[in-house]
Amino acid sequence: MIGSTRIISGTTTLAVIFLLLVLLVFGCTLNKNEKSSQLEINKSIVMRAWEEGFNQGNLDVIDEVFDTNYIERTPYSVIEQGGPERVKRAFKWMKSTFGDLHFEVEQMIAEGDFVVSRAMATGTHIGEFMGVPPSGQPVRFAAVVISRLSNGKHVEDWSFVDSYAILKQIGNVSVTPLESE
């Protein structure tokens, strides 16, 4: 009797260990799949803002993908608040400055609640930019945006636009190469 109890107990122990291993393996897999799926969802939300909102000019999309408490931060220590309406004003200003503005997203990386987009923008300088009157010159510049999402919407962005490249192309900045030693 004692020997058979050990076998049952040993079998039960093995079954419990096996069950725990299965749960651990499949539980981690499901968690990874869920995490991967959420990262893809976040990337698609950010891409929708780039493509439908900015490139196609569908400003209704801005209301759908930007939170009412959205904040944008820039390298110039400017913190812009105002939710989707602020994003729409900024977009309208950019279109009035670079009329045929288009963004080509070249890379997108997601981790947790963050999505980093690296894009190249092209357009024609048709409005005043940083004190420079319209030149009619074509421009091409880099933009990097780090977006934080919550509940399927942009809640915060850190935006970096290569203003120097724009100024150089519209004729307001000259470049003096560094001398080598």
Protein backbone atom coordinates (compact mmCIF):
# COMPACT_ATOMS: atom_id res chain seq x y z
CA MET A 1 0.00 0.00 0.00
CA ILE A 2 2.72 2.42 0.92
CA GLY A 3 4.60 1.65 -2.28
CA SER A 4 1.52 2.23 -4.45
CA THR A 5 0.82 5.51 -2.65
CA ARG A 6 4.30 6.64 -3.57
CA ILE A 7 3.70 5.75 -7.21
CA ILE A 8 0.41 7.63 -7.27
CA SER A 9 1.99 10.48 -5.38
CA GLY A 10 5.01 10.41 -7.70
CA THR A 11 2.76 10.22 -10.77
CA THR A 12 0.65 13.07 -9.43
CA THR A 13 3.77 15.10 -8.75
CA LEU A 14 5.04 14.46 -12.27
CA ALA A 15 1.63 15.40 -13.70
CA VAL A 16 1.56 18.63 -11.71
CA ILE A 17 5.12 19.48 -12.80
CA PHE A 18 4.21 18.69 -16.42
CA LEU A 19 1.07 20.83 -16.18
CA LEU A 20 3.05 23.72 -14.68
CA LEU A 21 5.65 23.46 -17.46
CA VAL A 22 2.92 23.46 -20.11
CA LEU A 23 1.27 26.50 -18.54
CA LEU A 24 4.62 28.26 -18.22
CA VAL A 25 5.60 27.59 -21.83
CA PHE A 26 2.21 28.36 -23.36
CA GLY A 27 1.53 31.16 -20.92
CA CYS A 28 4.77 32.88 -21.94
CA THR A 29 4.00 32.25 -25.60
CA LEU A 30 0.57 33.76 -25.27
CA ASN A 31 1.99 36.70 -23.37
CA LYS A 32 4.65 37.24 -26.05
CA ASN A 33 2.03 36.95 -28.80
CA GLU A 34 -0.25 39.39 -27.00
CA LYS A 35 2.68 41.79 -26.52
CA SER A 36 3.74 41.44 -30.16
CA SER A 37 0.15 41.98 -31.28
CA GLN A 38 -0.15 45.16 -29.19
CA LEU A 39 3.13 46.49 -30.63
CA GLU A 40 1.78 45.92 -34.14
CA ILE A 41 -1.48 47.66 -33.22
CA ASN A 42 0.47 50.65 -31.85
CA LYS A 43 2.57 50.83 -35.02
CA SER A 44 -0.56 50.72 -37.18
CA ILE A 45 -2.09 53.61 -35.20
CA VAL A 46 1.03 55.72 -35.69
CA MET A 47 1.23 54.78 -39.39
CA ARG A 48 -2.41 55.74 -39.82
CA ALA A 49 -1.62 59.23 -38.50
CA TRP A 50 1.28 59.55 -40.98
CA GLU A 51 -0.53 58.17 -44.02
CA GLU A 52 -4.21 59.04 -43.67
CA GLY A 53 -3.86 62.08 -41.43
CA PHE A 54 -0.79 63.89 -42.75
CA ASN A 55 -0.14 62.54 -46.26
CA GLN A 56 -3.79 62.28 -47.35
CA GLY A 57 -4.95 65.27 -45.31
CA ASN A 58 -7.83 63.41 -43.66
CA LEU A 59 -8.01 65.48 -40.48
CA ASP A 60 -10.87 63.38 -39.07
CA VAL A 61 -8.27 60.66 -38.49
CA ILE A 62 -6.43 63.05 -36.16
CA ASP A 63 -9.47 63.07 -33.85
CA GLU A 64 -9.45 59.27 -33.86
CA VAL A 65 -5.77 58.66 -33.09
CA PHE A 66 -4.78 61.62 -30.86
CA ASP A 67 -5.96 61.89 -27.26
CA THR A 68 -7.75 65.04 -26.07
CA ASN A 69 -4.85 65.61 -23.62
CA TYR A 70 -2.15 65.06 -26.27
CA ILE A 71 1.18 66.85 -25.66
CA GLU A 72 4.00 67.44 -28.16
CA ARG A 73 7.56 68.11 -27.02
CA THR A 74 10.27 69.56 -29.25
CA PRO A 75 14.05 70.02 -28.93
CA TYR A 76 13.43 73.75 -28.50
CA SER A 77 11.96 73.17 -25.02
CA VAL A 78 8.52 73.86 -26.42
CA ILE A 79 5.70 71.86 -24.93
CA GLU A 80 2.55 72.14 -27.01
CA GLN A 81 -0.75 71.09 -25.50
CA GLY A 82 -4.19 71.13 -27.01
CA GLY A 83 -5.05 67.63 -28.16
CA PRO A 84 -6.13 66.87 -31.73
CA GLU A 85 -6.98 70.52 -32.48
CA ARG A 86 -3.36 71.51 -31.81
CA VAL A 87 -2.17 68.72 -34.16
CA LYS A 88 -4.54 69.97 -36.88
CA ARG A 89 -3.28 73.57 -36.50
CA ALA A 90 0.34 72.39 -36.74
CA PHE A 91 -0.47 70.31 -39.82
CA LYS A 92 -2.24 73.24 -41.52
CA TRP A 93 0.77 75.47 -40.77
CA MET A 94 3.18 72.88 -42.24
CA LYS A 95 1.02 72.56 -45.39
CA SER A 96 0.94 76.35 -45.75
CA THR A 97 4.74 76.43 -45.43
CA PHE A 98 5.58 73.34 -47.51
CA GLY A 99 2.55 73.05 -49.82
CA ASP A 100 3.03 69.58 -51.25
CA LEU A 101 4.40 68.14 -48.01
CA HIS A 102 4.71 64.35 -47.97
CA PHE A 103 6.20 62.01 -45.36
CA GLU A 104 7.81 58.70 -46.26
CA VAL A 105 8.15 56.58 -43.12
CA GLU A 106 11.40 54.68 -43.53
CA GLN A 107 11.55 52.89 -40.21
CA MET A 108 9.30 52.20 -37.26
CA ILE A 109 10.30 50.56 -33.97
CA ALA A 110 7.89 49.69 -31.15
CA GLU A 111 8.58 48.84 -27.53
CA GLY A 112 6.03 48.92 -24.74
CA ASP A 113 3.80 51.98 -25.17
CA PHE A 114 6.32 53.73 -27.46
CA VAL A 115 6.66 53.82 -31.24
CA VAL A 116 9.63 55.53 -32.88
CA SER A 117 9.16 56.69 -36.47
CA ARG A 118 11.98 57.83 -38.76
CA ALA A 119 10.66 59.63 -41.83
CA MET A 120 11.90 61.70 -44.74
CA ALA A 121 9.74 64.64 -45.70
CA THR A 122 9.60 66.41 -49.05
CA GLY A 123 7.81 69.56 -50.05
CA THR A 124 8.12 72.98 -51.65
CA HIS A 125 8.86 76.06 -49.57
CA ILE A 126 5.79 78.25 -50.23
CA GLY A 127 5.38 80.01 -46.87
CA GLU A 128 7.57 81.74 -44.30
CA PHE A 129 9.77 79.35 -42.34
CA MET A 130 11.80 80.56 -39.35
CA GLY A 131 11.81 84.09 -40.72
CA VAL A 132 12.72 83.08 -44.28
CA PRO A 133 10.16 84.20 -46.89
CA PRO A 134 8.87 81.68 -49.45
CA SER A 135 11.61 80.65 -51.86
CA GLY A 136 9.79 78.14 -54.05
CA GLN A 137 12.69 75.74 -53.42
CA PRO A 138 12.08 72.02 -53.02
CA VAL A 139 13.07 70.71 -49.60
CA ARG A 140 13.88 67.30 -48.20
CA PHE A 141 14.42 66.79 -44.49
CA ALA A 142 14.44 64.14 -41.79
CA ALA A 143 11.91 63.83 -39.01
CA VAL A 144 12.05 61.53 -36.02
CA VAL A 145 9.04 61.20 -33.74
CA ILE A 146 8.86 59.20 -30.54
CA SER A 147 5.20 58.56 -29.80
CA ARG A 148 3.73 57.32 -26.54
CA LEU A 149 0.34 55.67 -26.89
CA SER A 150 -2.33 54.83 -24.37
CA ASN A 151 -5.72 53.26 -25.04
CA GLY A 152 -5.10 53.31 -28.80
CA LYS A 153 -4.22 57.02 -29.05
CA HIS A 154 -1.19 59.30 -29.15
CA VAL A 155 -0.87 60.90 -25.73
CA GLU A 156 2.62 62.34 -26.08
CA ASP A 157 5.15 62.86 -28.88
CA TRP A 158 8.75 63.99 -28.92
CA SER A 159 9.29 65.49 -32.39
CA PHE A 160 12.64 66.20 -34.00
CA VAL A 161 12.70 67.90 -37.42
CA ASP A 162 15.97 68.75 -39.18
CA SER A 163 15.35 72.51 -39.38
CA TYR A 164 18.98 73.09 -40.28
CA ALA A 165 18.58 71.01 -43.45
CA ILE A 166 15.49 73.01 -44.38
CA LEU A 167 17.22 76.37 -43.82
CA LYS A 168 20.24 75.20 -45.82
CA GLN A 169 18.00 74.24 -48.77
CA ILE A 170 15.98 77.45 -48.82
CA GLY A 171 19.15 79.53 -48.96
CA ASN A 172 19.43 80.96 -45.49
CA VAL A 173 22.33 78.94 -44.08
CA SER A 174 25.78 78.31 -45.40
CA VAL A 175 27.98 75.47 -44.26
CA THR A 176 31.64 75.88 -43.52
CA PRO A 177 33.36 72.51 -43.30
CA LEU A 178 35.45 71.83 -40.22
CA GLU A 179 39.16 71.97 -40.85
CA SER A 180 40.98 68.73 -40.25
CA GLU A 181 44.13 68.80 -38.20
